[in-house]
Amino acid sequence: MAVFCRNCGKSLADDARFCSGCGAQMQPPVVPPPYYATQSVTRLVRPRMGRMIAGVCQGLANAYAWDVVWVRVITVLLTVFGGGSGLLAYIIFWIVMPEESLALPPMPPMPPMPPPPYTPPSQ
């Protein structure tokens, strides 16, 4: 890989730290970090924002990237036409699903430590 000085455009060795033509310092090549494939793990939690009663439908919609309106419609339909199975499932999820933890504000930065007092060197 050819390396060129950004200042004067002179061709340089790959390991050069300074340009031999103009003396400019060479920036180290930017190496991107290795890519690690990760799976996004979503937990079933009842969110504190955007919920109607207990947040069960909103939590299911958030975890599986569904539209919350459809989850609520299906729950109501199962409750009315499914012999109360939608209500039973809602109550079970209400008990089983944990509530989202509180989002605390960030901590303020720590003040700088004062320098230690001067002590004269012992002789």
PDB file of N, CA and C in Angstrom:
ATOM      1  N   MET A   1       0.842  -1.166   0.000  1.00  0.00           N
ATOM      2  CA  MET A   1       0.000   0.000   0.000  1.00  0.00           C
ATOM      3  C   MET A   1       0.892   1.234   0.000  1.00  0.00           C
ATOM      4  N   ALA A   2       0.672   2.117  -0.923  1.00  0.00           N
ATOM      5  CA  ALA A   2       1.492   3.306  -1.023  1.00  0.00           C
ATOM      6  C   ALA A   2       0.977   4.363  -0.052  1.00  0.00           C
ATOM      7  N   VAL A   3       1.921   5.028   0.635  1.00  0.00           N
ATOM      8  CA  VAL A   3       1.576   6.079   1.582  1.00  0.00           C
ATOM      9  C   VAL A   3       2.122   7.383   1.022  1.00  0.00           C
ATOM     10  N   PHE A   4       1.285   8.418   1.054  1.00  0.00           N
ATOM     11  CA  PHE A   4       1.680   9.713   0.550  1.00  0.00           C
ATOM     12  C   PHE A   4       1.511  10.746   1.660  1.00  0.00           C
ATOM     13  N   CYS A   5       2.378  11.759   1.629  1.00  0.00           N
ATOM     14  CA  CYS A   5       2.306  12.854   2.594  1.00  0.00           C
ATOM     15  C   CYS A   5       1.096  13.719   2.272  1.00  0.00           C
ATOM     16  N   ARG A   6       0.331  14.061   3.271  1.00  0.00           N
ATOM     17  CA  ARG A   6      -0.844  14.904   3.065  1.00  0.00           C
ATOM     18  C   ARG A   6      -0.449  16.356   2.802  1.00  0.00           C
ATOM     19  N   ASN A   7       0.755  16.713   3.206  1.00  0.00           N
ATOM     20  CA  ASN A   7       1.225  18.093   3.053  1.00  0.00           C
ATOM     21  C   ASN A   7       1.781  18.346   1.657  1.00  0.00           C
ATOM     22  N   CYS A   8       2.768  17.520   1.277  1.00  0.00           N
ATOM     23  CA  CYS A   8       3.459  17.783   0.004  1.00  0.00           C
ATOM     24  C   CYS A   8       3.187  16.727  -1.059  1.00  0.00           C
ATOM     25  N   GLY A   9       2.582  15.588  -0.698  1.00  0.00           N
ATOM     26  CA  GLY A   9       2.239  14.559  -1.677  1.00  0.00           C
ATOM     27  C   GLY A   9       3.367  13.618  -2.024  1.00  0.00           C
ATOM     28  N   LYS A  10       4.497  13.671  -1.309  1.00  0.00           N
ATOM     29  CA  LYS A  10       5.638  12.806  -1.600  1.00  0.00           C
ATOM     30  C   LYS A  10       5.331  11.376  -1.169  1.00  0.00           C
ATOM     31  N   SER A  11       5.780  10.414  -1.973  1.00  0.00           N
ATOM     32  CA  SER A  11       5.605   9.001  -1.656  1.00  0.00           C
ATOM     33  C   SER A  11       6.543   8.620  -0.510  1.00  0.00           C
ATOM     34  N   LEU A  12       6.008   7.896   0.465  1.00  0.00           N
ATOM     35  CA  LEU A  12       6.779   7.536   1.652  1.00  0.00           C
ATOM     36  C   LEU A  12       6.728   6.041   1.886  1.00  0.00           C
ATOM     37  N   ALA A  13       7.606   5.573   2.761  1.00  0.00           N
ATOM     38  CA  ALA A  13       7.594   4.167   3.159  1.00  0.00           C
ATOM     39  C   ALA A  13       6.367   3.927   4.038  1.00  0.00           C
ATOM     40  N   ASP A  14       5.932   2.690   4.095  1.00  0.00           N
ATOM     41  CA  ASP A  14       4.730   2.354   4.868  1.00  0.00           C
ATOM     42  C   ASP A  14       4.880   2.663   6.355  1.00  0.00           C
ATOM     43  N   ASP A  15       6.087   2.527   6.899  1.00  0.00           N
ATOM     44  CA  ASP A  15       6.284   2.701   8.338  1.00  0.00           C
ATOM     45  C   ASP A  15       6.837   4.094   8.686  1.00  0.00           C
ATOM     46  N   ALA A  16       6.792   5.044   7.756  1.00  0.00           N
ATOM     47  CA  ALA A  16       7.352   6.372   8.004  1.00  0.00           C
ATOM     48  C   ALA A  16       6.490   7.124   9.013  1.00  0.00           C
ATOM     49  N   ARG A  17       7.164   7.806   9.937  1.00  0.00           N
ATOM     50  CA  ARG A  17       6.455   8.609  10.935  1.00  0.00           C
ATOM     51  C   ARG A  17       6.495  10.091  10.587  1.00  0.00           C
ATOM     52  N   PHE A  18       7.490  10.476   9.776  1.00  0.00           N
ATOM     53  CA  PHE A  18       7.625  11.863   9.344  1.00  0.00           C
ATOM     54  C   PHE A  18       7.917  11.871   7.860  1.00  0.00           C
ATOM     55  N   CYS A  19       7.475  12.910   7.173  1.00  0.00           N
ATOM     56  CA  CYS A  19       7.741  13.061   5.746  1.00  0.00           C
ATOM     57  C   CYS A  19       9.195  13.498   5.565  1.00  0.00           C
ATOM     58  N   SER A  20       9.899  12.846   4.644  1.00  0.00           N
ATOM     59  CA  SER A  20      11.294  13.208   4.395  1.00  0.00           C
ATOM     60  C   SER A  20      11.402  14.485   3.570  1.00  0.00           C
ATOM     61  N   GLY A  21      10.315  14.896   2.920  1.00  0.00           N
ATOM     62  CA  GLY A  21      10.345  16.097   2.110  1.00  0.00           C
ATOM     63  C   GLY A  21      10.031  17.360   2.899  1.00  0.00           C
ATOM     64  N   CYS A  22       8.942  17.344   3.659  1.00  0.00           N
ATOM     65  CA  CYS A  22       8.532  18.567   4.349  1.00  0.00           C
ATOM     66  C   CYS A  22       8.608  18.436   5.870  1.00  0.00           C
ATOM     67  N   GLY A  23       8.813  17.238   6.403  1.00  0.00           N
ATOM     68  CA  GLY A  23       8.958  17.054   7.849  1.00  0.00           C
ATOM     69  C   GLY A  23       7.643  16.932   8.598  1.00  0.00           C
ATOM     70  N   ALA A  24       6.519  16.882   7.891  1.00  0.00           N
ATOM     71  CA  ALA A  24       5.222  16.775   8.554  1.00  0.00           C
ATOM     72  C   ALA A  24       5.080  15.402   9.210  1.00  0.00           C
ATOM     73  N   GLN A  25       4.421  15.402  10.352  1.00  0.00           N
ATOM     74  CA  GLN A  25       4.201  14.137  11.059  1.00  0.00           C
ATOM     75  C   GLN A  25       3.099  13.360  10.347  1.00  0.00           C
ATOM     76  N   MET A  26       3.318  12.067  10.157  1.00  0.00           N
ATOM     77  CA  MET A  26       2.351  11.211   9.487  1.00  0.00           C
ATOM     78  C   MET A  26       1.366  10.657  10.507  1.00  0.00           C
ATOM     79  N   GLN A  27       0.107  10.648  10.148  1.00  0.00           N
ATOM     80  CA  GLN A  27      -0.915  10.065  11.004  1.00  0.00           C
ATOM     81  C   GLN A  27      -0.872   8.547  10.821  1.00  0.00           C
ATOM     82  N   PRO A  28      -1.026   7.791  11.919  1.00  0.00           N
ATOM     83  CA  PRO A  28      -1.083   6.339  11.760  1.00  0.00           C
ATOM     84  C   PRO A  28      -2.333   5.961  10.977  1.00  0.00           C
ATOM     85  N   PRO A  29      -2.263   4.894  10.191  1.00  0.00           N
ATOM     86  CA  PRO A  29      -3.442   4.511   9.416  1.00  0.00           C
ATOM     87  C   PRO A  29      -4.578   4.111  10.351  1.00  0.00           C
ATOM     88  N   VAL A  30      -5.771   4.508   9.973  1.00  0.00           N
ATOM     89  CA  VAL A  30      -6.947   4.172  10.773  1.00  0.00           C
ATOM     90  C   VAL A  30      -7.397   2.775  10.391  1.00  0.00           C
ATOM     91  N   VAL A  31      -7.369   1.888  11.365  1.00  0.00           N
ATOM     92  CA  VAL A  31      -7.798   0.514  11.148  1.00  0.00           C
ATOM     93  C   VAL A  31      -9.159   0.361  11.809  1.00  0.00           C
ATOM     94  N   PRO A  32     -10.176  -0.029  11.060  1.00  0.00           N
ATOM     95  CA  PRO A  32     -11.490  -0.171  11.687  1.00  0.00           C
ATOM     96  C   PRO A  32     -11.481  -1.327  12.681  1.00  0.00           C
ATOM     97  N   PRO A  33     -12.272  -1.236  13.731  1.00  0.00           N
ATOM     98  CA  PRO A  33     -12.312  -2.328  14.693  1.00  0.00           C
ATOM     99  C   PRO A  33     -12.902  -3.569  14.041  1.00  0.00           C
ATOM    100  N   PRO A  34     -12.544  -4.737  14.548  1.00  0.00           N
ATOM    101  CA  PRO A  34     -13.082  -5.960  13.943  1.00  0.00           C
ATOM    102  C   PRO A  34     -14.598  -6.020  14.125  1.00  0.00           C
ATOM    103  N   TYR A  35     -15.257  -6.621  13.166  1.00  0.00           N
ATOM    104  CA  TYR A  35     -16.714  -6.725  13.212  1.00  0.00           C
ATOM    105  C   TYR A  35     -17.086  -8.045  13.859  1.00  0.00           C
ATOM    106  N   TYR A  36     -17.878  -7.957  14.876  1.00  0.00           N
ATOM    107  CA  TYR A  36     -18.377  -9.154  15.540  1.00  0.00           C
ATOM    108  C   TYR A  36     -19.880  -9.181  15.355  1.00  0.00           C
ATOM    109  N   ALA A  37     -20.366 -10.243  14.757  1.00  0.00           N
ATOM    110  CA  ALA A  37     -21.803 -10.367  14.555  1.00  0.00           C
ATOM    111  C   ALA A  37     -22.464 -10.581  15.915  1.00  0.00           C
ATOM    112  N   THR A  38     -23.441  -9.767  16.207  1.00  0.00           N
ATOM    113  CA  THR A  38     -24.148  -9.903  17.474  1.00  0.00           C
ATOM    114  C   THR A  38     -25.630 -10.052  17.199  1.00  0.00           C
ATOM    115  N   GLN A  39     -26.277 -10.738  18.081  1.00  0.00           N
ATOM    116  CA  GLN A  39     -27.717 -10.854  18.001  1.00  0.00           C
ATOM    117  C   GLN A  39     -28.309  -9.885  19.000  1.00  0.00           C
ATOM    118  N   SER A  40     -29.321  -9.186  18.560  1.00  0.00           N
ATOM    119  CA  SER A  40     -29.948  -8.269  19.494  1.00  0.00           C
ATOM    120  C   SER A  40     -30.910  -9.076  20.360  1.00  0.00           C
ATOM    121  N   VAL A  41     -30.699  -9.021  21.641  1.00  0.00           N
ATOM    122  CA  VAL A  41     -31.523  -9.756  22.583  1.00  0.00           C
ATOM    123  C   VAL A  41     -32.491  -8.765  23.207  1.00  0.00           C
ATOM    124  N   THR A  42     -33.766  -9.008  22.992  1.00  0.00           N
ATOM    125  CA  THR A  42     -34.763  -8.140  23.583  1.00  0.00           C
ATOM    126  C   THR A  42     -35.472  -8.901  24.685  1.00  0.00           C
ATOM    127  N   ARG A  43     -35.669  -8.223  25.784  1.00  0.00           N
ATOM    128  CA  ARG A  43     -36.383  -8.815  26.893  1.00  0.00           C
ATOM    129  C   ARG A  43     -37.825  -8.345  26.841  1.00  0.00           C
ATOM    130  N   LEU A  44     -38.697  -9.200  27.324  1.00  0.00           N
ATOM    131  CA  LEU A  44     -40.082  -8.804  27.469  1.00  0.00           C
ATOM    132  C   LEU A  44     -40.190  -7.999  28.749  1.00  0.00           C
ATOM    133  N   VAL A  45     -40.370  -6.709  28.616  1.00  0.00           N
ATOM    134  CA  VAL A  45     -40.565  -5.841  29.777  1.00  0.00           C
ATOM    135  C   VAL A  45     -41.759  -4.940  29.507  1.00  0.00           C
ATOM    136  N   ARG A  46     -42.414  -4.559  30.580  1.00  0.00           N
ATOM    137  CA  ARG A  46     -43.525  -3.613  30.465  1.00  0.00           C
ATOM    138  C   ARG A  46     -42.946  -2.208  30.549  1.00  0.00           C
ATOM    139  N   PRO A  47     -42.994  -1.452  29.447  1.00  0.00           N
ATOM    140  CA  PRO A  47     -42.387  -0.119  29.456  1.00  0.00           C
ATOM    141  C   PRO A  47     -43.183   0.844  30.325  1.00  0.00           C
ATOM    142  N   ARG A  48     -42.523   1.883  30.770  1.00  0.00           N
ATOM    143  CA  ARG A  48     -43.186   2.905  31.578  1.00  0.00           C
ATOM    144  C   ARG A  48     -43.850   3.975  30.716  1.00  0.00           C
ATOM    145  N   MET A  49     -43.398   4.124  29.489  1.00  0.00           N
ATOM    146  CA  MET A  49     -43.950   5.139  28.593  1.00  0.00           C
ATOM    147  C   MET A  49     -44.742   4.466  27.472  1.00  0.00           C
ATOM    148  N   GLY A  50     -45.887   5.065  27.099  1.00  0.00           N
ATOM    149  CA  GLY A  50     -46.665   4.592  25.958  1.00  0.00           C
ATOM    150  C   GLY A  50     -47.616   3.469  26.278  1.00  0.00           C
ATOM    151  N   ARG A  51     -47.845   3.183  27.531  1.00  0.00           N
ATOM    152  CA  ARG A  51     -48.725   2.071  27.850  1.00  0.00           C
ATOM    153  C   ARG A  51     -50.113   2.569  28.212  1.00  0.00           C
ATOM    154  N   MET A  52     -51.100   1.688  28.079  1.00  0.00           N
ATOM    155  CA  MET A  52     -52.478   2.053  28.385  1.00  0.00           C
ATOM    156  C   MET A  52     -52.845   1.640  29.812  1.00  0.00           C
ATOM    157  N   ILE A  53     -52.802   0.361  30.116  1.00  0.00           N
ATOM    158  CA  ILE A  53     -53.193  -0.121  31.447  1.00  0.00           C
ATOM    159  C   ILE A  53     -51.953  -0.574  32.207  1.00  0.00           C
ATOM    160  N   ALA A  54     -51.378  -1.688  31.800  1.00  0.00           N
ATOM    161  CA  ALA A  54     -50.206  -2.202  32.511  1.00  0.00           C
ATOM    162  C   ALA A  54     -48.976  -2.274  31.614  1.00  0.00           C
ATOM    163  N   GLY A  55     -49.125  -2.034  30.323  1.00  0.00           N
ATOM    164  CA  GLY A  55     -47.992  -2.033  29.410  1.00  0.00           C
ATOM    165  C   GLY A  55     -47.698  -3.372  28.784  1.00  0.00           C
ATOM    166  N   VAL A  56     -48.598  -4.341  28.921  1.00  0.00           N
ATOM    167  CA  VAL A  56     -48.347  -5.672  28.363  1.00  0.00           C
ATOM    168  C   VAL A  56     -48.335  -5.618  26.845  1.00  0.00           C
ATOM    169  N   CYS A  57     -49.335  -5.015  26.239  1.00  0.00           N
ATOM    170  CA  CYS A  57     -49.391  -4.948  24.770  1.00  0.00           C
ATOM    171  C   CYS A  57     -48.235  -4.121  24.213  1.00  0.00           C
ATOM    172  N   GLN A  58     -47.898  -3.021  24.880  1.00  0.00           N
ATOM    173  CA  GLN A  58     -46.774  -2.188  24.444  1.00  0.00           C
ATOM    174  C   GLN A  58     -45.465  -2.962  24.566  1.00  0.00           C
ATOM    175  N   GLY A  59     -45.295  -3.734  25.637  1.00  0.00           N
ATOM    176  CA  GLY A  59     -44.078  -4.532  25.810  1.00  0.00           C
ATOM    177  C   GLY A  59     -43.935  -5.608  24.753  1.00  0.00           C
ATOM    178  N   LEU A  60     -45.045  -6.290  24.422  1.00  0.00           N
ATOM    179  CA  LEU A  60     -44.997  -7.298  23.356  1.00  0.00           C
ATOM    180  C   LEU A  60     -44.677  -6.646  22.016  1.00  0.00           C
ATOM    181  N   ALA A  61     -45.293  -5.509  21.748  1.00  0.00           N
ATOM    182  CA  ALA A  61     -45.040  -4.818  20.480  1.00  0.00           C
ATOM    183  C   ALA A  61     -43.592  -4.354  20.390  1.00  0.00           C
ATOM    184  N   ASN A  62     -43.033  -3.848  21.471  1.00  0.00           N
ATOM    185  CA  ASN A  62     -41.635  -3.392  21.453  1.00  0.00           C
ATOM    186  C   ASN A  62     -40.673  -4.562  21.269  1.00  0.00           C
ATOM    187  N   ALA A  63     -40.931  -5.674  21.932  1.00  0.00           N
ATOM    188  CA  ALA A  63     -39.999  -6.811  21.887  1.00  0.00           C
ATOM    189  C   ALA A  63     -39.959  -7.466  20.516  1.00  0.00           C
ATOM    190  N   TYR A  64     -41.082  -7.508  19.825  1.00  0.00           N
ATOM    191  CA  TYR A  64     -41.136  -8.218  18.548  1.00  0.00           C
ATOM    192  C   TYR A  64     -41.302  -7.286  17.345  1.00  0.00           C
ATOM    193  N   ALA A  65     -41.159  -5.968  17.551  1.00  0.00           N
ATOM    194  CA  ALA A  65     -41.257  -4.960  16.487  1.00  0.00           C
ATOM    195  C   ALA A  65     -42.589  -5.058  15.759  1.00  0.00           C
ATOM    196  N   TRP A  66     -43.652  -5.186  16.543  1.00  0.00           N
ATOM    197  CA  TRP A  66     -45.008  -5.194  16.009  1.00  0.00           C
ATOM    198  C   TRP A  66     -45.629  -3.829  16.235  1.00  0.00           C
ATOM    199  N   ASP A  67     -46.738  -3.587  15.545  1.00  0.00           N
ATOM    200  CA  ASP A  67     -47.502  -2.366  15.771  1.00  0.00           C
ATOM    201  C   ASP A  67     -48.371  -2.574  17.006  1.00  0.00           C
ATOM    202  N   VAL A  68     -48.286  -1.666  17.954  1.00  0.00           N
ATOM    203  CA  VAL A  68     -48.985  -1.832  19.225  1.00  0.00           C
ATOM    204  C   VAL A  68     -50.499  -1.809  19.036  1.00  0.00           C
ATOM    205  N   VAL A  69     -50.984  -1.112  18.019  1.00  0.00           N
ATOM    206  CA  VAL A  69     -52.428  -1.067  17.776  1.00  0.00           C
ATOM    207  C   VAL A  69     -52.955  -2.458  17.446  1.00  0.00           C
ATOM    208  N   TRP A  70     -52.224  -3.195  16.606  1.00  0.00           N
ATOM    209  CA  TRP A  70     -52.668  -4.548  16.246  1.00  0.00           C
ATOM    210  C   TRP A  70     -52.613  -5.492  17.437  1.00  0.00           C
ATOM    211  N   VAL A  71     -51.623  -5.348  18.282  1.00  0.00           N
ATOM    212  CA  VAL A  71     -51.543  -6.197  19.473  1.00  0.00           C
ATOM    213  C   VAL A  71     -52.738  -5.921  20.383  1.00  0.00           C
ATOM    214  N   ARG A  72     -53.098  -4.660  20.531  1.00  0.00           N
ATOM    215  CA  ARG A  72     -54.249  -4.310  21.372  1.00  0.00           C
ATOM    216  C   ARG A  72     -55.556  -4.808  20.750  1.00  0.00           C
ATOM    217  N   VAL A  73     -55.699  -4.690  19.436  1.00  0.00           N
ATOM    218  CA  VAL A  73     -56.913  -5.164  18.764  1.00  0.00           C
ATOM    219  C   VAL A  73     -57.050  -6.673  18.926  1.00  0.00           C
ATOM    220  N   ILE A  74     -55.971  -7.409  18.749  1.00  0.00           N
ATOM    221  CA  ILE A  74     -56.016  -8.870  18.897  1.00  0.00           C
ATOM    222  C   ILE A  74     -56.351  -9.239  20.337  1.00  0.00           C
ATOM    223  N   THR A  75     -55.810  -8.513  21.305  1.00  0.00           N
ATOM    224  CA  THR A  75     -56.113  -8.790  22.703  1.00  0.00           C
ATOM    225  C   THR A  75     -57.601  -8.572  22.994  1.00  0.00           C
ATOM    226  N   VAL A  76     -58.157  -7.482  22.482  1.00  0.00           N
ATOM    227  CA  VAL A  76     -59.592  -7.210  22.695  1.00  0.00           C
ATOM    228  C   VAL A  76     -60.444  -8.261  21.997  1.00  0.00           C
ATOM    229  N   LEU A  77     -60.079  -8.625  20.771  1.00  0.00           N
ATOM    230  CA  LEU A  77     -60.848  -9.649  20.054  1.00  0.00           C
ATOM    231  C   LEU A  77     -60.802 -10.988  20.777  1.00  0.00           C
ATOM    232  N   LEU A  78     -59.638 -11.364  21.295  1.00  0.00           N
ATOM    233  CA  LEU A  78     -59.546 -12.615  22.049  1.00  0.00           C
ATOM    234  C   LEU A  78     -60.333 -12.553  23.353  1.00  0.00           C
ATOM    235  N   THR A  79     -60.392 -11.378  23.950  1.00  0.00           N
ATOM    236  CA  THR A  79     -61.151 -11.234  25.179  1.00  0.00           C
ATOM    237  C   THR A  79     -62.651 -11.350  24.906  1.00  0.00           C
ATOM    238  N   VAL A  80     -63.128 -10.702  23.840  1.00  0.00           N
ATOM    239  CA  VAL A  80     -64.565 -10.691  23.545  1.00  0.00           C
ATOM    240  C   VAL A  80     -65.025 -11.999  22.909  1.00  0.00           C
ATOM    241  N   PHE A  81     -64.285 -12.459  21.867  1.00  0.00           N
ATOM    242  CA  PHE A  81     -64.745 -13.623  21.115  1.00  0.00           C
ATOM    243  C   PHE A  81     -64.026 -14.919  21.488  1.00  0.00           C
ATOM    244  N   GLY A  82     -63.034 -14.857  22.302  1.00  0.00           N
ATOM    245  CA  GLY A  82     -62.268 -16.063  22.645  1.00  0.00           C
ATOM    246  C   GLY A  82     -62.587 -16.617  24.013  1.00  0.00           C
ATOM    247  N   GLY A  83     -63.722 -16.238  24.558  1.00  0.00           N
ATOM    248  CA  GLY A  83     -64.108 -16.784  25.862  1.00  0.00           C
ATOM    249  C   GLY A  83     -63.263 -16.234  27.004  1.00  0.00           C
ATOM    250  N   GLY A  84     -62.720 -15.045  26.840  1.00  0.00           N
ATOM    251  CA  GLY A  84     -61.932 -14.430  27.905  1.00  0.00           C
ATOM    252  C   GLY A  84     -60.467 -14.833  27.898  1.00  0.00           C
ATOM    253  N   SER A  85     -60.022 -15.542  26.859  1.00  0.00           N
ATOM    254  CA  SER A  85     -58.623 -15.979  26.816  1.00  0.00           C
ATOM    255  C   SER A  85     -57.667 -14.795  26.683  1.00  0.00           C
ATOM    256  N   GLY A  86     -58.117 -13.746  26.008  1.00  0.00           N
ATOM    257  CA  GLY A  86     -57.273 -12.557  25.888  1.00  0.00           C
ATOM    258  C   GLY A  86     -57.060 -11.885  27.228  1.00  0.00           C
ATOM    259  N   LEU A  87     -58.105 -11.804  28.046  1.00  0.00           N
ATOM    260  CA  LEU A  87     -57.994 -11.211  29.374  1.00  0.00           C
ATOM    261  C   LEU A  87     -57.119 -12.077  30.274  1.00  0.00           C
ATOM    262  N   LEU A  88     -57.293 -13.393  30.193  1.00  0.00           N
ATOM    263  CA  LEU A  88     -56.471 -14.306  30.993  1.00  0.00           C
ATOM    264  C   LEU A  88     -54.993 -14.190  30.603  1.00  0.00           C
ATOM    265  N   ALA A  89     -54.709 -14.137  29.289  1.00  0.00           N
ATOM    266  CA  ALA A  89     -53.323 -13.995  28.831  1.00  0.00           C
ATOM    267  C   ALA A  89     -52.755 -12.653  29.279  1.00  0.00           C
ATOM    268  N   TYR A  90     -53.571 -11.604  29.225  1.00  0.00           N
ATOM    269  CA  TYR A  90     -53.110 -10.278  29.649  1.00  0.00           C
ATOM    270  C   TYR A  90     -52.733 -10.286  31.121  1.00  0.00           C
ATOM    271  N   ILE A  91     -53.562 -10.892  31.954  1.00  0.00           N
ATOM    272  CA  ILE A  91     -53.281 -10.952  33.399  1.00  0.00           C
ATOM    273  C   ILE A  91     -52.032 -11.777  33.672  1.00  0.00           C
ATOM    274  N   ILE A  92     -51.852 -12.878  32.956  1.00  0.00           N
ATOM    275  CA  ILE A  92     -50.653 -13.714  33.152  1.00  0.00           C
ATOM    276  C   ILE A  92     -49.405 -12.942  32.752  1.00  0.00           C
ATOM    277  N   PHE A  93     -49.463 -12.265  31.598  1.00  0.00           N
ATOM    278  CA  PHE A  93     -48.314 -11.459  31.176  1.00  0.00           C
ATOM    279  C   PHE A  93     -48.055 -10.315  32.153  1.00  0.00           C
ATOM    280  N   TRP A  94     -49.098  -9.749  32.712  1.00  0.00           N
ATOM    281  CA  TRP A  94     -48.964  -8.669  33.686  1.00  0.00           C
ATOM    282  C   TRP A  94     -48.178  -9.148  34.903  1.00  0.00           C
ATOM    283  N   ILE A  95     -48.432 -10.373  35.314  1.00  0.00           N
ATOM    284  CA  ILE A  95     -47.742 -10.950  36.476  1.00  0.00           C
ATOM    285  C   ILE A  95     -46.317 -11.362  36.124  1.00  0.00           C
ATOM    286  N   VAL A  96     -46.131 -11.945  34.947  1.00  0.00           N
ATOM    287  CA  VAL A  96     -44.838 -12.539  34.578  1.00  0.00           C
ATOM    288  C   VAL A  96     -43.832 -11.507  34.061  1.00  0.00           C
ATOM    289  N   MET A  97     -44.300 -10.547  33.265  1.00  0.00           N
ATOM    290  CA  MET A  97     -43.383  -9.573  32.646  1.00  0.00           C
ATOM    291  C   MET A  97     -42.919  -8.554  33.673  1.00  0.00           C
ATOM    292  N   PRO A  98     -41.594  -8.364  33.828  1.00  0.00           N
ATOM    293  CA  PRO A  98     -41.119  -7.338  34.758  1.00  0.00           C
ATOM    294  C   PRO A  98     -41.331  -5.947  34.183  1.00  0.00           C
ATOM    295  N   GLU A  99     -41.429  -4.984  35.069  1.00  0.00           N
ATOM    296  CA  GLU A  99     -41.577  -3.603  34.641  1.00  0.00           C
ATOM    297  C   GLU A  99     -40.205  -3.038  34.293  1.00  0.00           C
ATOM    298  N   GLU A 100     -40.171  -2.162  33.316  1.00  0.00           N
ATOM    299  CA  GLU A 100     -38.924  -1.532  32.886  1.00  0.00           C
ATOM    300  C   GLU A 100     -38.312  -0.759  34.059  1.00  0.00           C
ATOM    301  N   SER A 101     -37.004  -0.839  34.195  1.00  0.00           N
ATOM    302  CA  SER A 101     -36.342  -0.144  35.289  1.00  0.00           C
ATOM    303  C   SER A 101     -36.372   1.357  35.058  1.00  0.00           C
ATOM    304  N   LEU A 102     -36.232   2.096  36.141  1.00  0.00           N
ATOM    305  CA  LEU A 102     -36.251   3.548  36.053  1.00  0.00           C
ATOM    306  C   LEU A 102     -34.990   4.055  35.375  1.00  0.00           C
ATOM    307  N   ALA A 103     -35.147   5.036  34.533  1.00  0.00           N
ATOM    308  CA  ALA A 103     -33.993   5.658  33.882  1.00  0.00           C
ATOM    309  C   ALA A 103     -33.527   6.792  34.782  1.00  0.00           C
ATOM    310  N   LEU A 104     -32.386   6.630  35.392  1.00  0.00           N
ATOM    311  CA  LEU A 104     -31.856   7.647  36.283  1.00  0.00           C
ATOM    312  C   LEU A 104     -31.043   8.663  35.487  1.00  0.00           C
ATOM    313  N   PRO A 105     -31.016   9.909  35.936  1.00  0.00           N
ATOM    314  CA  PRO A 105     -30.211  10.911  35.227  1.00  0.00           C
ATOM    315  C   PRO A 105     -28.729  10.588  35.378  1.00  0.00           C
ATOM    316  N   PRO A 106     -27.911  11.017  34.413  1.00  0.00           N
ATOM    317  CA  PRO A 106     -26.481  10.727  34.508  1.00  0.00           C
ATOM    318  C   PRO A 106     -25.852  11.459  35.690  1.00  0.00           C
ATOM    319  N   MET A 107     -24.806  10.850  36.225  1.00  0.00           N
ATOM    320  CA  MET A 107     -24.087  11.452  37.349  1.00  0.00           C
ATOM    321  C   MET A 107     -23.328  12.679  36.863  1.00  0.00           C
ATOM    322  N   PRO A 108     -23.283  13.733  37.679  1.00  0.00           N
ATOM    323  CA  PRO A 108     -22.479  14.896  37.283  1.00  0.00           C
ATOM    324  C   PRO A 108     -20.999  14.539  37.338  1.00  0.00           C
ATOM    325  N   PRO A 109     -20.182  15.205  36.544  1.00  0.00           N
ATOM    326  CA  PRO A 109     -18.750  14.873  36.564  1.00  0.00           C
ATOM    327  C   PRO A 109     -18.133  15.214  37.916  1.00  0.00           C
ATOM    328  N   MET A 110     -17.168  14.418  38.286  1.00  0.00           N
ATOM    329  CA  MET A 110     -16.479  14.641  39.552  1.00  0.00           C
ATOM    330  C   MET A 110     -15.593  15.875  39.433  1.00  0.00           C
ATOM    331  N   PRO A 111     -15.533  16.708  40.475  1.00  0.00           N
ATOM    332  CA  PRO A 111     -14.646  17.872  40.406  1.00  0.00           C
ATOM    333  C   PRO A 111     -13.186  17.406  40.443  1.00  0.00           C
ATOM    334  N   PRO A 112     -12.297  18.180  39.838  1.00  0.00           N
ATOM    335  CA  PRO A 112     -10.891  17.763  39.838  1.00  0.00           C
ATOM    336  C   PRO A 112     -10.331  17.786  41.258  1.00  0.00           C
ATOM    337  N   MET A 113      -9.440  16.867  41.511  1.00  0.00           N
ATOM    338  CA  MET A 113      -8.807  16.780  42.822  1.00  0.00           C
ATOM    339  C   MET A 113      -7.786  17.906  42.960  1.00  0.00           C
ATOM    340  N   PRO A 114      -7.735  18.553  44.122  1.00  0.00           N
ATOM    341  CA  PRO A 114      -6.727  19.601  44.305  1.00  0.00           C
ATOM    342  C   PRO A 114      -5.341  18.967  44.404  1.00  0.00           C
ATOM    343  N   PRO A 115      -4.308  19.702  44.014  1.00  0.00           N
ATOM    344  CA  PRO A 115      -2.962  19.117  44.099  1.00  0.00           C
ATOM    345  C   PRO A 115      -2.586  18.926  45.569  1.00  0.00           C
ATOM    346  N   PRO A 116      -1.740  17.944  45.845  1.00  0.00           N
ATOM    347  CA  PRO A 116      -1.334  17.733  47.230  1.00  0.00           C
ATOM    348  C   PRO A 116      -0.531  18.921  47.741  1.00  0.00           C
ATOM    349  N   PRO A 117      -0.583  19.159  49.029  1.00  0.00           N
ATOM    350  CA  PRO A 117       0.171  20.307  49.567  1.00  0.00           C
ATOM    351  C   PRO A 117       1.678  20.107  49.352  1.00  0.00           C
ATOM    352  N   TYR A 118       2.360  21.230  49.213  1.00  0.00           N
ATOM    353  CA  TYR A 118       3.802  21.180  48.973  1.00  0.00           C
ATOM    354  C   TYR A 118       4.518  20.798  50.270  1.00  0.00           C
ATOM    355  N   THR A 119       5.383  19.814  50.164  1.00  0.00           N
ATOM    356  CA  THR A 119       6.244  19.459  51.300  1.00  0.00           C
ATOM    357  C   THR A 119       7.678  19.595  50.821  1.00  0.00           C
ATOM    358  N   PRO A 120       8.474  20.392  51.539  1.00  0.00           N
ATOM    359  CA  PRO A 120       9.861  20.568  51.120  1.00  0.00           C
ATOM    360  C   PRO A 120      10.618  19.241  51.242  1.00  0.00           C
ATOM    361  N   PRO A 121      11.560  19.020  50.358  1.00  0.00           N
ATOM    362  CA  PRO A 121      12.335  17.765  50.443  1.00  0.00           C
ATOM    363  C   PRO A 121      13.152  17.752  51.737  1.00  0.00           C
ATOM    364  N   SER A 122      13.200  16.577  52.322  1.00  0.00           N
ATOM    365  CA  SER A 122      13.974  16.436  53.576  1.00  0.00           C
ATOM    366  C   SER A 122      15.465  16.316  53.247  1.00  0.00           C
ATOM    367  N   GLN A 123      16.271  16.850  54.161  1.00  0.00           N
ATOM    368  CA  GLN A 123      17.716  16.830  53.909  1.00  0.00           C
ATOM    369  C   GLN A 123      18.438  15.892  54.821  1.00  0.00           C
TER     370      GLN A 123
END
